[in-house]
Amino acid sequence: MTLKNRHIPLNGTPNLRDLGGYTNRHGKAVATGRMFRSGTLAYLDQQDWEKLGAMKLRVICDFRRDDEKKREPTIAPTDLDISIIELPVGVGSHTGFVTELLTQDKHSADSMADVMVGINRAFVLEHREPFQRVLEIALALQDDESMLFHCSAGKDRTGFAAAVLLSCLDVERDRVMEDYLLTREYYHPETELKRFQARMPDVDWASLYSERMLPMLDTRADYLGAAFDAIDAHFGSTDAFLADALGVDADMREELQSKFLS
């Protein structure tokens, strides 16, 4: 699957992608049209939802916190029979970053990048349950159904979920990182900052050095790399992390591979 084919253009969100098409270390390909990753779905129009319906989408996993969902609710048309499952991850919220910037003048762009590194490390050490649930939901899919998982930007919480799923399918880290960094093609920090400001009109942006937010909106290898470093430091390997921290035993892994490798 090419870069162009992996991306699915929608009117209401820039970063919807098919997780399929990657070849694993045994030469098998991740099935296309089964698992999708995205940013917020709050601004999808009818045409967008019709496109998702045509993809046989049955489950949406939402990693956003309650404050994010309240500000930007996802409302799927009832005729599409799509279930939205809330799997909030307690770090990585854009609105949380704004609050931090408004109350802590000490933050520079460099320190905000460090925060992003810490967030990705926290996925491994402190916030594993939502990612474990994604695997269970994936296993419950029927063979003719697809799922989508997303956060706000569709890069960090979503990116780590993609890393977990691809790792279960024996996709090597280089390919996992490649998938993570594809967000750079569709989610541009300067553009998204303007959109983000428009979505939060209650914030006095004139009093806030908003460029400090750009590292939050950026997609950097160091971010997901911090999660991999934490996995190696605390569990020894990705396989050990999947088994010991997420409970992916041999039978579960075999079932995932049978379902999502073509």
C-alpha atoms as a PDB file:
ATOM      1  CA  MET A   1       0.000   0.000   0.000  1.00  0.00           C
ATOM      2  CA  THR A   2       1.412   3.392  -0.985  1.00  0.00           C
ATOM      3  CA  LEU A   3       1.434   6.540   1.127  1.00  0.00           C
ATOM      4  CA  LYS A   4      -1.283   8.016  -1.080  1.00  0.00           C
ATOM      5  CA  ASN A   5      -3.537   4.984  -0.709  1.00  0.00           C
ATOM      6  CA  ARG A   6      -2.999   4.690   3.050  1.00  0.00           C
ATOM      7  CA  HIS A   7      -4.335   8.201   3.677  1.00  0.00           C
ATOM      8  CA  ILE A   8      -8.119   8.641   3.460  1.00  0.00           C
ATOM      9  CA  PRO A   9      -9.064  12.271   2.748  1.00  0.00           C
ATOM     10  CA  LEU A  10     -12.081  13.606   4.616  1.00  0.00           C
ATOM     11  CA  ASN A  11     -13.549  17.082   4.840  1.00  0.00           C
ATOM     12  CA  GLY A  12     -13.650  17.171   8.633  1.00  0.00           C
ATOM     13  CA  THR A  13     -10.349  15.661   9.773  1.00  0.00           C
ATOM     14  CA  PRO A  14      -6.934  15.660   8.072  1.00  0.00           C
ATOM     15  CA  ASN A  15      -5.221  12.568   9.428  1.00  0.00           C
ATOM     16  CA  LEU A  16      -7.329   9.447   8.809  1.00  0.00           C
ATOM     17  CA  ARG A  17      -5.185   6.518   7.689  1.00  0.00           C
ATOM     18  CA  ASP A  18      -5.475   2.811   7.072  1.00  0.00           C
ATOM     19  CA  LEU A  19      -3.163   0.859   9.373  1.00  0.00           C
ATOM     20  CA  GLY A  20      -2.882  -1.935   6.824  1.00  0.00           C
ATOM     21  CA  GLY A  21      -0.301  -2.612   4.152  1.00  0.00           C
ATOM     22  CA  TYR A  22       2.829  -2.931   6.279  1.00  0.00           C
ATOM     23  CA  THR A  23       4.855  -6.107   5.819  1.00  0.00           C
ATOM     24  CA  ASN A  24       5.929  -7.857   9.000  1.00  0.00           C
ATOM     25  CA  ARG A  25       9.208  -9.590   9.755  1.00  0.00           C
ATOM     26  CA  HIS A  26       7.867 -12.864   8.324  1.00  0.00           C
ATOM     27  CA  GLY A  27       6.820 -11.344   5.010  1.00  0.00           C
ATOM     28  CA  LYS A  28       3.099 -11.214   5.751  1.00  0.00           C
ATOM     29  CA  ALA A  29       1.103  -8.021   5.166  1.00  0.00           C
ATOM     30  CA  VAL A  30      -1.228  -6.298   7.615  1.00  0.00           C
ATOM     31  CA  ALA A  31      -4.728  -6.491   6.167  1.00  0.00           C
ATOM     32  CA  THR A  32      -6.117  -3.293   4.689  1.00  0.00           C
ATOM     33  CA  GLY A  33      -9.571  -1.945   5.402  1.00  0.00           C
ATOM     34  CA  ARG A  34      -9.763  -3.379   8.929  1.00  0.00           C
ATOM     35  CA  MET A  35      -8.061  -0.913  11.310  1.00  0.00           C
ATOM     36  CA  PHE A  36      -7.980   2.853  10.916  1.00  0.00           C
ATOM     37  CA  ARG A  37      -6.312   5.635  12.913  1.00  0.00           C
ATOM     38  CA  SER A  38      -7.429   9.255  13.049  1.00  0.00           C
ATOM     39  CA  GLY A  39      -7.629  12.548  14.870  1.00  0.00           C
ATOM     40  CA  THR A  40     -10.859  14.083  16.154  1.00  0.00           C
ATOM     41  CA  LEU A  41     -14.070  13.113  14.372  1.00  0.00           C
ATOM     42  CA  ALA A  42     -16.107  15.996  15.779  1.00  0.00           C
ATOM     43  CA  TYR A  43     -16.124  17.961  12.510  1.00  0.00           C
ATOM     44  CA  LEU A  44     -17.059  15.229  10.046  1.00  0.00           C
ATOM     45  CA  ASP A  45     -19.855  16.085   7.620  1.00  0.00           C
ATOM     46  CA  GLN A  46     -22.459  13.753   6.146  1.00  0.00           C
ATOM     47  CA  GLN A  47     -20.209  12.846   3.220  1.00  0.00           C
ATOM     48  CA  ASP A  48     -17.425  11.901   5.629  1.00  0.00           C
ATOM     49  CA  TRP A  49     -19.688   9.652   7.664  1.00  0.00           C
ATOM     50  CA  GLU A  50     -20.995   7.999   4.519  1.00  0.00           C
ATOM     51  CA  LYS A  51     -17.407   7.225   3.559  1.00  0.00           C
ATOM     52  CA  LEU A  52     -16.779   5.662   6.972  1.00  0.00           C
ATOM     53  CA  GLY A  53     -19.961   3.645   6.641  1.00  0.00           C
ATOM     54  CA  ALA A  54     -18.782   2.335   3.277  1.00  0.00           C
ATOM     55  CA  MET A  55     -15.624   1.140   5.040  1.00  0.00           C
ATOM     56  CA  LYS A  56     -17.847  -1.148   7.173  1.00  0.00           C
ATOM     57  CA  LEU A  57     -16.813   0.718  10.289  1.00  0.00           C
ATOM     58  CA  ARG A  58     -18.479  -0.772  13.357  1.00  0.00           C
ATOM     59  CA  VAL A  59     -16.404   0.426  16.332  1.00  0.00           C
ATOM     60  CA  ILE A  60     -14.768   3.750  17.199  1.00  0.00           C
ATOM     61  CA  CYS A  61     -12.362   3.816  20.152  1.00  0.00           C
ATOM     62  CA  ASP A  62     -11.966   7.319  21.587  1.00  0.00           C
ATOM     63  CA  PHE A  63      -8.836   7.982  23.676  1.00  0.00           C
ATOM     64  CA  ARG A  64      -9.766  11.564  24.567  1.00  0.00           C
ATOM     65  CA  ARG A  65     -10.400  12.804  28.090  1.00  0.00           C
ATOM     66  CA  ASP A  66     -13.831  13.981  29.204  1.00  0.00           C
ATOM     67  CA  ASP A  67     -12.947  17.663  28.785  1.00  0.00           C
ATOM     68  CA  GLU A  68     -11.905  17.036  25.179  1.00  0.00           C
ATOM     69  CA  LYS A  69     -15.051  15.083  24.366  1.00  0.00           C
ATOM     70  CA  LYS A  70     -17.243  17.744  25.938  1.00  0.00           C
ATOM     71  CA  ARG A  71     -15.612  20.464  23.849  1.00  0.00           C
ATOM     72  CA  GLU A  72     -15.594  18.442  20.633  1.00  0.00           C
ATOM     73  CA  PRO A  73     -18.232  15.674  20.820  1.00  0.00           C
ATOM     74  CA  THR A  74     -18.323  12.881  18.271  1.00  0.00           C
ATOM     75  CA  ILE A  75     -21.856  12.211  17.074  1.00  0.00           C
ATOM     76  CA  ALA A  76     -22.148   9.311  14.666  1.00  0.00           C
ATOM     77  CA  PRO A  77     -25.317   9.039  12.544  1.00  0.00           C
ATOM     78  CA  THR A  78     -27.607   6.439  14.097  1.00  0.00           C
ATOM     79  CA  ASP A  79     -28.287   4.739  10.782  1.00  0.00           C
ATOM     80  CA  LEU A  80     -24.653   3.628  10.492  1.00  0.00           C
ATOM     81  CA  ASP A  81     -24.774   1.357  13.558  1.00  0.00           C
ATOM     82  CA  ILE A  82     -21.359   2.442  14.824  1.00  0.00           C
ATOM     83  CA  SER A  83     -20.479   1.914  18.482  1.00  0.00           C
ATOM     84  CA  ILE A  84     -18.312   4.536  20.185  1.00  0.00           C
ATOM     85  CA  ILE A  85     -16.243   3.096  23.035  1.00  0.00           C
ATOM     86  CA  GLU A  86     -14.640   5.573  25.415  1.00  0.00           C
ATOM     87  CA  LEU A  87     -11.092   4.649  26.445  1.00  0.00           C
ATOM     88  CA  PRO A  88      -9.764   7.872  27.990  1.00  0.00           C
ATOM     89  CA  VAL A  89      -5.999   8.183  28.353  1.00  0.00           C
ATOM     90  CA  GLY A  90      -5.151  10.534  31.200  1.00  0.00           C
ATOM     91  CA  VAL A  91      -2.268  12.309  29.452  1.00  0.00           C
ATOM     92  CA  GLY A  92      -1.831  13.961  26.069  1.00  0.00           C
ATOM     93  CA  SER A  93      -4.830  16.301  26.108  1.00  0.00           C
ATOM     94  CA  HIS A  94      -4.480  19.503  24.073  1.00  0.00           C
ATOM     95  CA  THR A  95      -6.725  21.398  26.470  1.00  0.00           C
ATOM     96  CA  GLY A  96      -4.546  20.179  29.312  1.00  0.00           C
ATOM     97  CA  PHE A  97      -1.529  21.696  27.584  1.00  0.00           C
ATOM     98  CA  VAL A  98      -3.285  25.051  27.250  1.00  0.00           C
ATOM     99  CA  THR A  99      -4.131  25.060  30.943  1.00  0.00           C
ATOM    100  CA  GLU A 100      -0.517  24.253  31.745  1.00  0.00           C
ATOM    101  CA  LEU A 101       0.765  27.064  29.528  1.00  0.00           C
ATOM    102  CA  LEU A 102      -1.661  29.583  30.998  1.00  0.00           C
ATOM    103  CA  THR A 103      -0.689  28.770  34.563  1.00  0.00           C
ATOM    104  CA  GLN A 104       3.036  28.052  34.210  1.00  0.00           C
ATOM    105  CA  ASP A 105       5.029  30.854  32.581  1.00  0.00           C
ATOM    106  CA  LYS A 106       8.235  28.868  32.870  1.00  0.00           C
ATOM    107  CA  HIS A 107       7.484  26.639  29.870  1.00  0.00           C
ATOM    108  CA  SER A 108       9.541  27.183  26.731  1.00  0.00           C
ATOM    109  CA  ALA A 109       9.182  25.360  23.447  1.00  0.00           C
ATOM    110  CA  ASP A 110      12.050  23.070  24.468  1.00  0.00           C
ATOM    111  CA  SER A 111      10.466  22.201  27.788  1.00  0.00           C
ATOM    112  CA  MET A 112       7.158  21.460  26.082  1.00  0.00           C
ATOM    113  CA  ALA A 113       8.984  18.992  23.829  1.00  0.00           C
ATOM    114  CA  ASP A 114      10.293  17.354  26.992  1.00  0.00           C
ATOM    115  CA  VAL A 115       6.712  17.104  28.237  1.00  0.00           C
ATOM    116  CA  MET A 116       5.777  15.262  25.038  1.00  0.00           C
ATOM    117  CA  VAL A 117       8.630  12.829  25.609  1.00  0.00           C
ATOM    118  CA  GLY A 118       7.352  12.235  29.142  1.00  0.00           C
ATOM    119  CA  ILE A 119       3.817  11.647  27.918  1.00  0.00           C
ATOM    120  CA  ASN A 120       4.906   8.930  25.522  1.00  0.00           C
ATOM    121  CA  ARG A 121       6.912   7.292  28.293  1.00  0.00           C
ATOM    122  CA  ALA A 122       3.824   7.429  30.515  1.00  0.00           C
ATOM    123  CA  PHE A 123       1.811   5.406  27.983  1.00  0.00           C
ATOM    124  CA  VAL A 124       4.123   2.505  28.763  1.00  0.00           C
ATOM    125  CA  LEU A 125       4.474   2.934  32.506  1.00  0.00           C
ATOM    126  CA  GLU A 126       1.182   4.406  33.726  1.00  0.00           C
ATOM    127  CA  HIS A 127      -1.621   4.259  31.151  1.00  0.00           C
ATOM    128  CA  ARG A 128      -1.632   0.773  29.713  1.00  0.00           C
ATOM    129  CA  GLU A 129      -5.254  -0.259  30.271  1.00  0.00           C
ATOM    130  CA  PRO A 130      -6.842   1.665  27.346  1.00  0.00           C
ATOM    131  CA  PHE A 131      -4.348   0.139  24.934  1.00  0.00           C
ATOM    132  CA  GLN A 132      -4.998  -3.321  26.329  1.00  0.00           C
ATOM    133  CA  ARG A 133      -8.725  -2.770  25.733  1.00  0.00           C
ATOM    134  CA  VAL A 134      -8.078  -1.833  22.090  1.00  0.00           C
ATOM    135  CA  LEU A 135      -6.583  -5.262  21.530  1.00  0.00           C
ATOM    136  CA  GLU A 136      -9.627  -6.938  23.069  1.00  0.00           C
ATOM    137  CA  ILE A 137     -11.943  -4.855  20.881  1.00  0.00           C
ATOM    138  CA  ALA A 138      -9.921  -5.745  17.802  1.00  0.00           C
ATOM    139  CA  LEU A 139     -10.257  -9.434  18.603  1.00  0.00           C
ATOM    140  CA  ALA A 140     -14.025  -9.099  18.923  1.00  0.00           C
ATOM    141  CA  LEU A 141     -14.438  -7.729  15.394  1.00  0.00           C
ATOM    142  CA  GLN A 142     -16.161  -9.912  12.828  1.00  0.00           C
ATOM    143  CA  ASP A 143     -14.192 -10.641   9.688  1.00  0.00           C
ATOM    144  CA  ASP A 144     -16.296  -8.231   7.612  1.00  0.00           C
ATOM    145  CA  GLU A 145     -16.055  -5.359  10.110  1.00  0.00           C
ATOM    146  CA  SER A 146     -13.515  -2.598  10.716  1.00  0.00           C
ATOM    147  CA  MET A 147     -12.549  -0.402  13.655  1.00  0.00           C
ATOM    148  CA  LEU A 148     -11.146   3.097  14.093  1.00  0.00           C
ATOM    149  CA  PHE A 149      -9.231   4.527  17.045  1.00  0.00           C
ATOM    150  CA  HIS A 150      -8.462   8.181  17.603  1.00  0.00           C
ATOM    151  CA  CYS A 151      -7.553  10.981  19.968  1.00  0.00           C
ATOM    152  CA  SER A 152      -7.508  14.715  19.229  1.00  0.00           C
ATOM    153  CA  ALA A 153      -4.597  15.069  16.804  1.00  0.00           C
ATOM    154  CA  GLY A 154      -4.334  11.399  15.944  1.00  0.00           C
ATOM    155  CA  LYS A 155      -0.613  11.183  16.617  1.00  0.00           C
ATOM    156  CA  ASP A 156       0.501  10.335  20.173  1.00  0.00           C
ATOM    157  CA  ARG A 157      -2.206   8.396  21.991  1.00  0.00           C
ATOM    158  CA  THR A 158      -3.354   7.106  18.628  1.00  0.00           C
ATOM    159  CA  GLY A 159       0.233   6.554  17.545  1.00  0.00           C
ATOM    160  CA  PHE A 160       1.018   4.413  20.564  1.00  0.00           C
ATOM    161  CA  ALA A 161      -2.128   2.338  20.006  1.00  0.00           C
ATOM    162  CA  ALA A 162      -1.021   1.801  16.411  1.00  0.00           C
ATOM    163  CA  ALA A 163       2.417   0.777  17.672  1.00  0.00           C
ATOM    164  CA  VAL A 164       0.869  -1.793  20.013  1.00  0.00           C
ATOM    165  CA  LEU A 165      -1.344  -3.274  17.312  1.00  0.00           C
ATOM    166  CA  LEU A 166       1.397  -3.400  14.700  1.00  0.00           C
ATOM    167  CA  SER A 167       3.825  -4.914  17.202  1.00  0.00           C
ATOM    168  CA  CYS A 168       1.331  -7.683  17.979  1.00  0.00           C
ATOM    169  CA  LEU A 169       1.362  -8.401  14.254  1.00  0.00           C
ATOM    170  CA  ASP A 170       5.186  -8.683  14.239  1.00  0.00           C
ATOM    171  CA  VAL A 171       5.750  -5.438  12.346  1.00  0.00           C
ATOM    172  CA  GLU A 172       9.262  -4.208  13.089  1.00  0.00           C
ATOM    173  CA  ARG A 173       9.935  -0.981  14.939  1.00  0.00           C
ATOM    174  CA  ASP A 174      11.269   0.833  11.903  1.00  0.00           C
ATOM    175  CA  ARG A 175       7.933   0.330  10.132  1.00  0.00           C
ATOM    176  CA  VAL A 176       6.017   1.286  13.278  1.00  0.00           C
ATOM    177  CA  MET A 177       8.000   4.521  13.470  1.00  0.00           C
ATOM    178  CA  GLU A 178       7.375   5.095   9.778  1.00  0.00           C
ATOM    179  CA  ASP A 179       3.639   4.873  10.426  1.00  0.00           C
ATOM    180  CA  TYR A 180       3.908   7.293  13.342  1.00  0.00           C
ATOM    181  CA  LEU A 181       5.865   9.859  11.332  1.00  0.00           C
ATOM    182  CA  LEU A 182       3.370   9.810   8.448  1.00  0.00           C
ATOM    183  CA  THR A 183       1.302  12.230  10.514  1.00  0.00           C
ATOM    184  CA  ARG A 184       3.809  14.895   9.429  1.00  0.00           C
ATOM    185  CA  GLU A 185       2.343  14.663   5.916  1.00  0.00           C
ATOM    186  CA  TYR A 186      -1.192  15.566   6.992  1.00  0.00           C
ATOM    187  CA  TYR A 187      -1.078  17.296  10.373  1.00  0.00           C
ATOM    188  CA  HIS A 188       0.971  20.502  10.165  1.00  0.00           C
ATOM    189  CA  PRO A 189       1.678  22.259  13.483  1.00  0.00           C
ATOM    190  CA  GLU A 190       1.336  25.857  12.248  1.00  0.00           C
ATOM    191  CA  THR A 191      -1.955  25.152  10.473  1.00  0.00           C
ATOM    192  CA  GLU A 192      -3.357  23.117  13.338  1.00  0.00           C
ATOM    193  CA  LEU A 193      -2.398  25.794  15.862  1.00  0.00           C
ATOM    194  CA  LYS A 194      -4.659  28.266  14.037  1.00  0.00           C
ATOM    195  CA  ARG A 195      -7.504  25.773  13.979  1.00  0.00           C
ATOM    196  CA  PHE A 196      -6.949  24.952  17.607  1.00  0.00           C
ATOM    197  CA  GLN A 197      -7.103  28.615  18.590  1.00  0.00           C
ATOM    198  CA  ALA A 198     -10.353  29.029  16.668  1.00  0.00           C
ATOM    199  CA  ARG A 199     -11.858  26.080  18.540  1.00  0.00           C
ATOM    200  CA  MET A 200     -11.002  27.630  21.921  1.00  0.00           C
ATOM    201  CA  PRO A 201     -12.288  31.210  21.679  1.00  0.00           C
ATOM    202  CA  ASP A 202     -12.502  31.503  25.463  1.00  0.00           C
ATOM    203  CA  VAL A 203      -8.688  31.543  25.757  1.00  0.00           C
ATOM    204  CA  ASP A 204      -6.901  34.891  25.689  1.00  0.00           C
ATOM    205  CA  TRP A 205      -4.401  33.885  23.036  1.00  0.00           C
ATOM    206  CA  ALA A 206      -2.947  37.400  22.862  1.00  0.00           C
ATOM    207  CA  SER A 207      -1.530  36.942  26.352  1.00  0.00           C
ATOM    208  CA  LEU A 208      -0.100  33.518  25.582  1.00  0.00           C
ATOM    209  CA  TYR A 209       3.073  32.834  23.664  1.00  0.00           C
ATOM    210  CA  SER A 210       1.224  30.269  21.592  1.00  0.00           C
ATOM    211  CA  GLU A 211       4.287  29.172  19.618  1.00  0.00           C
ATOM    212  CA  ARG A 212       5.262  27.262  22.739  1.00  0.00           C
ATOM    213  CA  MET A 213       2.442  24.899  21.779  1.00  0.00           C
ATOM    214  CA  LEU A 214       4.049  23.899  18.478  1.00  0.00           C
ATOM    215  CA  PRO A 215       6.039  20.981  19.982  1.00  0.00           C
ATOM    216  CA  MET A 216       2.741  19.592  21.275  1.00  0.00           C
ATOM    217  CA  LEU A 217       1.349  19.660  17.736  1.00  0.00           C
ATOM    218  CA  ASP A 218       4.506  18.297  16.139  1.00  0.00           C
ATOM    219  CA  THR A 219       5.305  14.674  15.291  1.00  0.00           C
ATOM    220  CA  ARG A 220       8.856  13.770  16.283  1.00  0.00           C
ATOM    221  CA  ALA A 221      10.693  10.472  16.352  1.00  0.00           C
ATOM    222  CA  ASP A 222      11.888  11.346  19.867  1.00  0.00           C
ATOM    223  CA  TYR A 223       8.298  11.189  21.129  1.00  0.00           C
ATOM    224  CA  LEU A 224       7.401   7.629  20.177  1.00  0.00           C
ATOM    225  CA  GLY A 225      11.059   6.755  20.651  1.00  0.00           C
ATOM    226  CA  ALA A 226      10.655   7.591  24.346  1.00  0.00           C
ATOM    227  CA  ALA A 227       7.947   4.941  24.605  1.00  0.00           C
ATOM    228  CA  PHE A 228      10.236   2.380  22.976  1.00  0.00           C
ATOM    229  CA  ASP A 229      13.052   3.358  25.340  1.00  0.00           C
ATOM    230  CA  ALA A 230      10.747   2.864  28.328  1.00  0.00           C
ATOM    231  CA  ILE A 231       9.682  -0.532  27.003  1.00  0.00           C
ATOM    232  CA  ASP A 232      13.309  -1.656  26.652  1.00  0.00           C
ATOM    233  CA  ALA A 233      14.386  -0.230  30.004  1.00  0.00           C
ATOM    234  CA  HIS A 234      11.539  -1.707  32.048  1.00  0.00           C
ATOM    235  CA  PHE A 235      10.526  -4.846  30.140  1.00  0.00           C
ATOM    236  CA  GLY A 236      13.545  -5.750  28.011  1.00  0.00           C
ATOM    237  CA  SER A 237      11.769  -6.011  24.672  1.00  0.00           C
ATOM    238  CA  THR A 238       8.526  -5.239  22.879  1.00  0.00           C
ATOM    239  CA  ASP A 239       7.491  -8.894  23.033  1.00  0.00           C
ATOM    240  CA  ALA A 240       7.978  -8.929  26.806  1.00  0.00           C
ATOM    241  CA  PHE A 241       6.007  -5.695  27.154  1.00  0.00           C
ATOM    242  CA  LEU A 242       3.105  -7.126  25.169  1.00  0.00           C
ATOM    243  CA  ALA A 243       3.092 -10.310  27.234  1.00  0.00           C
ATOM    244  CA  ASP A 244       3.860  -9.014  30.717  1.00  0.00           C
ATOM    245  CA  ALA A 245       2.237  -5.563  30.680  1.00  0.00           C
ATOM    246  CA  LEU A 246      -0.649  -5.982  28.234  1.00  0.00           C
ATOM    247  CA  GLY A 247      -1.424  -9.649  28.797  1.00  0.00           C
ATOM    248  CA  VAL A 248      -0.939 -10.693  25.175  1.00  0.00           C
ATOM    249  CA  ASP A 249      -0.249 -14.407  25.504  1.00  0.00           C
ATOM    250  CA  ALA A 250       0.697 -16.700  22.621  1.00  0.00           C
ATOM    251  CA  ASP A 251      -2.917 -17.655  21.862  1.00  0.00           C
ATOM    252  CA  MET A 252      -4.087 -14.042  21.786  1.00  0.00           C
ATOM    253  CA  ARG A 253      -1.224 -13.011  19.556  1.00  0.00           C
ATOM    254  CA  GLU A 254      -1.866 -15.890  17.181  1.00  0.00           C
ATOM    255  CA  GLU A 255      -5.543 -14.941  17.014  1.00  0.00           C
ATOM    256  CA  LEU A 256      -4.716 -11.320  16.255  1.00  0.00           C
ATOM    257  CA  GLN A 257      -2.347 -12.368  13.512  1.00  0.00           C
ATOM    258  CA  SER A 258      -4.875 -14.763  12.025  1.00  0.00           C
ATOM    259  CA  LYS A 259      -7.478 -12.006  11.960  1.00  0.00           C
ATOM    260  CA  PHE A 260      -5.360  -9.077  10.705  1.00  0.00           C
ATOM    261  CA  LEU A 261      -2.581 -10.541   8.564  1.00  0.00           C
ATOM    262  CA  SER A 262      -3.289 -11.318   4.928  1.00  0.00           C
END
